[in-house]
Amino acid sequence: MCGRFDRHVGTDAVARAMGIGHEPDEPDAASAGGYNITPGRPILTVHADPAAAMPRLALDHWGFHPHWAGADAPSPINARAETVATSGYFRDAFAHRRCLIPANGWFEWQASDAGKQPWYFTAADASLIAYAGIWTEASADGTDGRGACAIITEPARGVAQSIHPRMPLVLDPTCWAAWLDPDLTARADIRRAVQRLDPEALDAWPVSTRVNRPSEDDPALLEPVES
């Protein structure tokens, strides 16, 4: 799964990496980042913009809650790649409202006899990565009028396999545009056009258990420790 991640670069760096020529309209966009991003808060996302030739930045609530769902309906932070295209809760968003969620890396916890050890995953070359996401229009569930989103997860691959059974679906940069393409709506077409990032392009190391506390948010959270 992906329940905690890091996006410490600014929106200007995200815009440059993703070929976006403008900033989000909201003045507090910078607050969507951090070294220890937790569910239930606004996060920076990238949407297709039907009115422009390039995508746009947005702030979406991390916790998917369709506008048609009742107040007691769940607000999952993740959607499984195996079922996202067919689930009644997610399939419309998968077909019509896919997004990118820019990040520097994410955290997973490895279970052991001594407890759970957090690990940090990032691109080996320190480049920006992007998770495959879905979003939905604003609902009445306390998202302050924002859209709501979820990160798509898949079975762990590469270095992640020995740490946790699942990981976020990290997309290869060459297919970021295809993931956002509104003309791709069929599952088979999307699968043909979209490629995962090679797992060999990822690196990981154990980090401090300070990351367990949502209030902790500083660069030292990413520093390696002895496992």
C-alpha atoms as a PDB file:
ATOM      1  CA  MET A   1       0.000   0.000   0.000  1.00  0.00           C
ATOM      2  CA  CYS A   2       1.018   3.634   0.112  1.00  0.00           C
ATOM      3  CA  GLY A   3      -0.014   5.428   3.279  1.00  0.00           C
ATOM      4  CA  ARG A   4       2.819   7.923   3.659  1.00  0.00           C
ATOM      5  CA  PHE A   5       4.978   9.668   1.078  1.00  0.00           C
ATOM      6  CA  ASP A   6       7.405  12.513   0.492  1.00  0.00           C
ATOM      7  CA  ARG A   7       7.254  15.366  -1.997  1.00  0.00           C
ATOM      8  CA  HIS A   8       9.638  18.034  -0.813  1.00  0.00           C
ATOM      9  CA  VAL A   9      10.407  19.769  -4.121  1.00  0.00           C
ATOM     10  CA  GLY A  10       8.376  22.868  -4.874  1.00  0.00           C
ATOM     11  CA  THR A  11       5.555  23.264  -7.349  1.00  0.00           C
ATOM     12  CA  ASP A  12       7.873  25.085  -9.754  1.00  0.00           C
ATOM     13  CA  ALA A  13      10.111  22.008  -9.977  1.00  0.00           C
ATOM     14  CA  VAL A  14       7.066  19.775 -10.479  1.00  0.00           C
ATOM     15  CA  ALA A  15       5.762  22.067 -13.214  1.00  0.00           C
ATOM     16  CA  ARG A  16       9.090  21.986 -15.049  1.00  0.00           C
ATOM     17  CA  ALA A  17       9.420  18.209 -14.801  1.00  0.00           C
ATOM     18  CA  MET A  18       5.905  17.654 -16.098  1.00  0.00           C
ATOM     19  CA  GLY A  19       5.823  20.289 -18.794  1.00  0.00           C
ATOM     20  CA  ILE A  20       3.292  22.496 -17.053  1.00  0.00           C
ATOM     21  CA  GLY A  21       3.456  26.192 -17.720  1.00  0.00           C
ATOM     22  CA  HIS A  22       1.424  27.542 -14.831  1.00  0.00           C
ATOM     23  CA  GLU A  23       0.943  27.197 -11.081  1.00  0.00           C
ATOM     24  CA  PRO A  24      -2.194  26.112  -9.200  1.00  0.00           C
ATOM     25  CA  ASP A  25      -4.722  28.847  -8.537  1.00  0.00           C
ATOM     26  CA  GLU A  26      -4.660  28.239  -4.798  1.00  0.00           C
ATOM     27  CA  PRO A  27      -2.073  30.351  -2.926  1.00  0.00           C
ATOM     28  CA  ASP A  28      -1.390  27.582  -0.372  1.00  0.00           C
ATOM     29  CA  ALA A  29      -0.221  25.066  -2.971  1.00  0.00           C
ATOM     30  CA  ALA A  30       3.219  24.855  -1.385  1.00  0.00           C
ATOM     31  CA  SER A  31       1.637  23.483   1.787  1.00  0.00           C
ATOM     32  CA  ALA A  32       0.620  20.369  -0.167  1.00  0.00           C
ATOM     33  CA  GLY A  33       4.196  19.124   0.085  1.00  0.00           C
ATOM     34  CA  GLY A  34       6.417  17.836   2.857  1.00  0.00           C
ATOM     35  CA  TYR A  35       8.731  15.064   3.963  1.00  0.00           C
ATOM     36  CA  ASN A  36       5.992  13.081   5.690  1.00  0.00           C
ATOM     37  CA  ILE A  37       2.719  13.490   3.794  1.00  0.00           C
ATOM     38  CA  THR A  38      -0.205  11.790   5.505  1.00  0.00           C
ATOM     39  CA  PRO A  39      -3.694  10.800   4.315  1.00  0.00           C
ATOM     40  CA  GLY A  40      -6.629  13.124   4.780  1.00  0.00           C
ATOM     41  CA  ARG A  41      -4.889  16.303   3.643  1.00  0.00           C
ATOM     42  CA  PRO A  42      -4.624  18.209   0.359  1.00  0.00           C
ATOM     43  CA  ILE A  43      -1.877  16.951  -1.941  1.00  0.00           C
ATOM     44  CA  LEU A  44      -0.529  18.223  -5.231  1.00  0.00           C
ATOM     45  CA  THR A  45      -1.862  16.371  -8.277  1.00  0.00           C
ATOM     46  CA  VAL A  46      -1.670  16.754 -12.043  1.00  0.00           C
ATOM     47  CA  HIS A  47      -4.831  16.600 -14.177  1.00  0.00           C
ATOM     48  CA  ALA A  48      -5.501  16.762 -17.873  1.00  0.00           C
ATOM     49  CA  ASP A  49      -6.846  20.191 -18.802  1.00  0.00           C
ATOM     50  CA  PRO A  50      -9.431  19.987 -21.622  1.00  0.00           C
ATOM     51  CA  ALA A  51      -9.163  23.746 -22.139  1.00  0.00           C
ATOM     52  CA  ALA A  52      -5.386  23.759 -22.654  1.00  0.00           C
ATOM     53  CA  ALA A  53      -2.704  21.878 -24.522  1.00  0.00           C
ATOM     54  CA  MET A  54      -0.840  21.030 -21.332  1.00  0.00           C
ATOM     55  CA  PRO A  55      -1.871  19.473 -18.008  1.00  0.00           C
ATOM     56  CA  ARG A  56      -2.624  21.535 -14.907  1.00  0.00           C
ATOM     57  CA  LEU A  57      -1.675  21.369 -11.256  1.00  0.00           C
ATOM     58  CA  ALA A  58      -4.389  20.921  -8.651  1.00  0.00           C
ATOM     59  CA  LEU A  59      -4.812  20.311  -4.943  1.00  0.00           C
ATOM     60  CA  ASP A  60      -6.932  17.253  -4.147  1.00  0.00           C
ATOM     61  CA  HIS A  61      -7.898  15.735  -0.823  1.00  0.00           C
ATOM     62  CA  TRP A  62      -6.031  12.450  -0.280  1.00  0.00           C
ATOM     63  CA  GLY A  63      -8.922  10.089   0.368  1.00  0.00           C
ATOM     64  CA  PHE A  64     -11.191   9.138  -2.539  1.00  0.00           C
ATOM     65  CA  HIS A  65     -14.861   9.952  -1.938  1.00  0.00           C
ATOM     66  CA  PRO A  66     -17.079  10.187  -5.035  1.00  0.00           C
ATOM     67  CA  HIS A  67     -19.450  13.126  -5.040  1.00  0.00           C
ATOM     68  CA  TRP A  68     -22.378  10.702  -5.424  1.00  0.00           C
ATOM     69  CA  ALA A  69     -21.421   8.618  -2.377  1.00  0.00           C
ATOM     70  CA  GLY A  70     -23.112   9.128   0.960  1.00  0.00           C
ATOM     71  CA  ALA A  71     -21.439  10.699   3.952  1.00  0.00           C
ATOM     72  CA  ASP A  72     -20.879   7.287   5.520  1.00  0.00           C
ATOM     73  CA  ALA A  73     -19.183   5.868   2.411  1.00  0.00           C
ATOM     74  CA  PRO A  74     -15.466   5.057   2.717  1.00  0.00           C
ATOM     75  CA  SER A  75     -12.699   7.440   1.602  1.00  0.00           C
ATOM     76  CA  PRO A  76      -9.897   5.044   0.627  1.00  0.00           C
ATOM     77  CA  ILE A  77      -6.426   6.452   0.081  1.00  0.00           C
ATOM     78  CA  ASN A  78      -5.445   3.597  -2.257  1.00  0.00           C
ATOM     79  CA  ALA A  79      -7.080   1.709  -5.118  1.00  0.00           C
ATOM     80  CA  ARG A  80      -5.814  -1.715  -6.190  1.00  0.00           C
ATOM     81  CA  ALA A  81      -4.501  -1.910  -9.752  1.00  0.00           C
ATOM     82  CA  GLU A  82      -6.099  -5.343 -10.115  1.00  0.00           C
ATOM     83  CA  THR A  83      -9.647  -4.013  -9.615  1.00  0.00           C
ATOM     84  CA  VAL A  84      -9.589  -0.244 -10.140  1.00  0.00           C
ATOM     85  CA  ALA A  85     -10.993  -0.549 -13.685  1.00  0.00           C
ATOM     86  CA  THR A  86     -13.919  -2.748 -12.659  1.00  0.00           C
ATOM     87  CA  SER A  87     -14.842  -1.614  -9.137  1.00  0.00           C
ATOM     88  CA  GLY A  88     -18.094   0.298  -9.011  1.00  0.00           C
ATOM     89  CA  TYR A  89     -16.460   2.792  -6.692  1.00  0.00           C
ATOM     90  CA  PHE A  90     -13.481   3.555  -8.944  1.00  0.00           C
ATOM     91  CA  ARG A  91     -14.166   2.540 -12.536  1.00  0.00           C
ATOM     92  CA  ASP A  92     -15.629   5.859 -13.755  1.00  0.00           C
ATOM     93  CA  ALA A  93     -12.656   7.759 -12.372  1.00  0.00           C
ATOM     94  CA  PHE A  94     -10.247   5.235 -13.901  1.00  0.00           C
ATOM     95  CA  ALA A  95     -11.829   5.756 -17.306  1.00  0.00           C
ATOM     96  CA  HIS A  96     -12.289   9.532 -17.189  1.00  0.00           C
ATOM     97  CA  ARG A  97     -10.417  11.172 -14.287  1.00  0.00           C
ATOM     98  CA  ARG A  98      -6.916   9.781 -13.986  1.00  0.00           C
ATOM     99  CA  CYS A  99      -4.230  11.943 -12.401  1.00  0.00           C
ATOM    100  CA  LEU A 100      -0.538  11.944 -11.613  1.00  0.00           C
ATOM    101  CA  ILE A 101       0.655  12.384  -8.051  1.00  0.00           C
ATOM    102  CA  PRO A 102       4.191  13.807  -8.084  1.00  0.00           C
ATOM    103  CA  ALA A 103       6.574  12.652  -5.356  1.00  0.00           C
ATOM    104  CA  ASN A 104      10.176  12.256  -4.354  1.00  0.00           C
ATOM    105  CA  GLY A 105       9.534   8.921  -2.669  1.00  0.00           C
ATOM    106  CA  TRP A 106       7.407   6.933  -0.256  1.00  0.00           C
ATOM    107  CA  PHE A 107       7.602   4.932   2.963  1.00  0.00           C
ATOM    108  CA  GLU A 108       6.778   1.291   3.662  1.00  0.00           C
ATOM    109  CA  TRP A 109       7.087  -0.668   6.893  1.00  0.00           C
ATOM    110  CA  GLN A 110       8.856  -4.033   7.116  1.00  0.00           C
ATOM    111  CA  ALA A 111       7.513  -6.349   9.805  1.00  0.00           C
ATOM    112  CA  SER A 112      10.059  -8.167  11.997  1.00  0.00           C
ATOM    113  CA  ASP A 113      10.322  -9.733  15.437  1.00  0.00           C
ATOM    114  CA  ALA A 114      11.683  -6.415  16.683  1.00  0.00           C
ATOM    115  CA  GLY A 115       8.744  -4.417  15.334  1.00  0.00           C
ATOM    116  CA  LYS A 116       8.045  -2.537  12.130  1.00  0.00           C
ATOM    117  CA  GLN A 117      11.001  -0.885  10.443  1.00  0.00           C
ATOM    118  CA  PRO A 118      10.199   2.004   8.057  1.00  0.00           C
ATOM    119  CA  TRP A 119      11.962   2.100   4.688  1.00  0.00           C
ATOM    120  CA  TYR A 120      12.197   4.961   2.232  1.00  0.00           C
ATOM    121  CA  PHE A 121      11.855   4.311  -1.516  1.00  0.00           C
ATOM    122  CA  THR A 122      12.938   6.783  -4.180  1.00  0.00           C
ATOM    123  CA  ALA A 123      14.366   7.000  -7.701  1.00  0.00           C
ATOM    124  CA  ALA A 124      18.002   5.897  -7.734  1.00  0.00           C
ATOM    125  CA  ASP A 125      18.905   9.000  -9.754  1.00  0.00           C
ATOM    126  CA  ALA A 126      16.918  11.271  -7.371  1.00  0.00           C
ATOM    127  CA  SER A 127      14.550  12.342 -10.155  1.00  0.00           C
ATOM    128  CA  LEU A 128      10.903  13.194  -9.572  1.00  0.00           C
ATOM    129  CA  ILE A 129       8.549  10.212  -9.716  1.00  0.00           C
ATOM    130  CA  ALA A 130       4.811  10.111 -10.292  1.00  0.00           C
ATOM    131  CA  TYR A 131       2.213   7.696  -8.937  1.00  0.00           C
ATOM    132  CA  ALA A 132      -0.773   6.661 -11.009  1.00  0.00           C
ATOM    133  CA  GLY A 133      -3.831   8.150  -9.362  1.00  0.00           C
ATOM    134  CA  ILE A 134      -7.534   8.688  -9.831  1.00  0.00           C
ATOM    135  CA  TRP A 135      -9.608  11.640  -8.707  1.00  0.00           C
ATOM    136  CA  THR A 136     -13.241  12.562  -8.291  1.00  0.00           C
ATOM    137  CA  GLU A 137     -15.152  15.798  -8.148  1.00  0.00           C
ATOM    138  CA  ALA A 138     -15.730  17.637  -4.891  1.00  0.00           C
ATOM    139  CA  SER A 139     -18.140  16.017  -2.450  1.00  0.00           C
ATOM    140  CA  ALA A 140     -19.729  17.044   0.820  1.00  0.00           C
ATOM    141  CA  ASP A 141     -17.424  14.952   3.012  1.00  0.00           C
ATOM    142  CA  GLY A 142     -15.231  17.697   4.396  1.00  0.00           C
ATOM    143  CA  THR A 143     -12.786  18.164   1.512  1.00  0.00           C
ATOM    144  CA  ASP A 144     -13.279  21.964   1.471  1.00  0.00           C
ATOM    145  CA  GLY A 145     -14.651  21.943  -2.055  1.00  0.00           C
ATOM    146  CA  ARG A 146     -11.619  20.173  -3.492  1.00  0.00           C
ATOM    147  CA  GLY A 147     -11.576  17.038  -5.560  1.00  0.00           C
ATOM    148  CA  ALA A 148     -10.546  13.819  -3.833  1.00  0.00           C
ATOM    149  CA  CYS A 149      -7.963  11.305  -4.990  1.00  0.00           C
ATOM    150  CA  ALA A 150      -6.417   7.890  -4.387  1.00  0.00           C
ATOM    151  CA  ILE A 151      -3.060   6.353  -5.266  1.00  0.00           C
ATOM    152  CA  ILE A 152      -3.202   3.152  -7.296  1.00  0.00           C
ATOM    153  CA  THR A 153      -1.167   0.315  -5.794  1.00  0.00           C
ATOM    154  CA  GLU A 154       0.123  -2.956  -7.204  1.00  0.00           C
ATOM    155  CA  PRO A 155       2.017  -6.049  -5.985  1.00  0.00           C
ATOM    156  CA  ALA A 156       5.536  -5.106  -4.930  1.00  0.00           C
ATOM    157  CA  ARG A 157       8.295  -5.467  -7.503  1.00  0.00           C
ATOM    158  CA  GLY A 158      12.079  -5.316  -7.403  1.00  0.00           C
ATOM    159  CA  VAL A 159      13.673  -4.062  -4.218  1.00  0.00           C
ATOM    160  CA  ALA A 160      10.239  -3.506  -2.644  1.00  0.00           C
ATOM    161  CA  GLN A 161       9.335  -7.204  -2.640  1.00  0.00           C
ATOM    162  CA  SER A 162      11.340  -7.997   0.485  1.00  0.00           C
ATOM    163  CA  ILE A 163       9.896  -5.047   2.422  1.00  0.00           C
ATOM    164  CA  HIS A 164       6.134  -4.998   1.848  1.00  0.00           C
ATOM    165  CA  PRO A 165       3.703  -6.961  -0.359  1.00  0.00           C
ATOM    166  CA  ARG A 166       2.392  -3.869  -2.156  1.00  0.00           C
ATOM    167  CA  MET A 167       3.710  -0.591  -3.515  1.00  0.00           C
ATOM    168  CA  PRO A 168       2.369   2.456  -5.361  1.00  0.00           C
ATOM    169  CA  LEU A 169       2.096   2.144  -9.120  1.00  0.00           C
ATOM    170  CA  VAL A 170       5.010   4.331 -10.246  1.00  0.00           C
ATOM    171  CA  LEU A 171       4.741   5.345 -13.894  1.00  0.00           C
ATOM    172  CA  ASP A 172       7.588   5.660 -16.356  1.00  0.00           C
ATOM    173  CA  PRO A 173       7.942   9.358 -17.333  1.00  0.00           C
ATOM    174  CA  THR A 174       7.565   8.467 -21.009  1.00  0.00           C
ATOM    175  CA  CYS A 175       3.898   7.607 -20.415  1.00  0.00           C
ATOM    176  CA  TRP A 176       2.833  10.400 -18.054  1.00  0.00           C
ATOM    177  CA  ALA A 177       1.008  12.101 -20.923  1.00  0.00           C
ATOM    178  CA  ALA A 178      -0.701   8.864 -21.953  1.00  0.00           C
ATOM    179  CA  TRP A 179      -1.961   8.288 -18.400  1.00  0.00           C
ATOM    180  CA  LEU A 180      -3.643  11.703 -18.484  1.00  0.00           C
ATOM    181  CA  ASP A 181      -4.972  11.349 -22.052  1.00  0.00           C
ATOM    182  CA  PRO A 182      -8.777  11.820 -21.848  1.00  0.00           C
ATOM    183  CA  ASP A 183      -9.221   9.966 -25.134  1.00  0.00           C
ATOM    184  CA  LEU A 184      -8.005   6.746 -23.506  1.00  0.00           C
ATOM    185  CA  THR A 185     -10.956   5.314 -21.599  1.00  0.00           C
ATOM    186  CA  ALA A 186     -10.888   1.555 -22.216  1.00  0.00           C
ATOM    187  CA  ARG A 187      -8.854  -0.574 -19.832  1.00  0.00           C
ATOM    188  CA  ALA A 188      -7.076  -2.453 -22.622  1.00  0.00           C
ATOM    189  CA  ASP A 189      -6.054   0.769 -24.382  1.00  0.00           C
ATOM    190  CA  ILE A 190      -4.756   2.277 -21.150  1.00  0.00           C
ATOM    191  CA  ARG A 191      -2.725  -0.841 -20.356  1.00  0.00           C
ATOM    192  CA  ARG A 192      -1.139  -0.794 -23.814  1.00  0.00           C
ATOM    193  CA  ALA A 193      -0.196   2.881 -23.544  1.00  0.00           C
ATOM    194  CA  VAL A 194       1.079   2.945 -19.965  1.00  0.00           C
ATOM    195  CA  GLN A 195       4.338   1.502 -18.636  1.00  0.00           C
ATOM    196  CA  ARG A 196       5.519   1.070 -15.070  1.00  0.00           C
ATOM    197  CA  LEU A 197       8.866   2.497 -14.035  1.00  0.00           C
ATOM    198  CA  ASP A 198      11.561  -0.194 -14.206  1.00  0.00           C
ATOM    199  CA  PRO A 199      11.979  -1.460 -10.618  1.00  0.00           C
ATOM    200  CA  GLU A 200      15.750  -1.350 -11.150  1.00  0.00           C
ATOM    201  CA  ALA A 201      15.403   2.441 -11.256  1.00  0.00           C
ATOM    202  CA  LEU A 202      14.351   2.483  -7.577  1.00  0.00           C
ATOM    203  CA  ASP A 203      16.473   2.510  -4.460  1.00  0.00           C
ATOM    204  CA  ALA A 204      15.494   1.982  -0.799  1.00  0.00           C
ATOM    205  CA  TRP A 205      16.980   2.160   2.686  1.00  0.00           C
ATOM    206  CA  PRO A 206      15.786   1.967   6.304  1.00  0.00           C
ATOM    207  CA  VAL A 207      14.952   5.259   8.032  1.00  0.00           C
ATOM    208  CA  SER A 208      14.153   6.483  11.517  1.00  0.00           C
ATOM    209  CA  THR A 209      10.938   5.420  13.239  1.00  0.00           C
ATOM    210  CA  ARG A 210      10.312   9.133  13.748  1.00  0.00           C
ATOM    211  CA  VAL A 211       8.402   8.948  10.474  1.00  0.00           C
ATOM    212  CA  ASN A 212       5.733   6.987  12.369  1.00  0.00           C
ATOM    213  CA  ARG A 213       4.619  10.273  13.929  1.00  0.00           C
ATOM    214  CA  PRO A 214       2.663  12.459  11.466  1.00  0.00           C
ATOM    215  CA  SER A 215       3.882  15.578  13.260  1.00  0.00           C
ATOM    216  CA  GLU A 216       7.480  14.849  12.226  1.00  0.00           C
ATOM    217  CA  ASP A 217       8.335  16.562   8.932  1.00  0.00           C
ATOM    218  CA  ASP A 218      11.968  17.376   8.146  1.00  0.00           C
ATOM    219  CA  PRO A 219      14.762  16.295   5.766  1.00  0.00           C
ATOM    220  CA  ALA A 220      16.391  14.041   8.379  1.00  0.00           C
ATOM    221  CA  LEU A 221      13.460  11.616   8.005  1.00  0.00           C
ATOM    222  CA  LEU A 222      15.004  10.517   4.701  1.00  0.00           C
ATOM    223  CA  GLU A 223      18.453   9.754   6.107  1.00  0.00           C
ATOM    224  CA  PRO A 224      19.459   6.060   6.266  1.00  0.00           C
ATOM    225  CA  VAL A 225      19.783   4.279   9.600  1.00  0.00           C
ATOM    226  CA  GLU A 226      20.978   0.838  10.657  1.00  0.00           C
ATOM    227  CA  SER A 227      18.171  -1.708  10.297  1.00  0.00           C
END
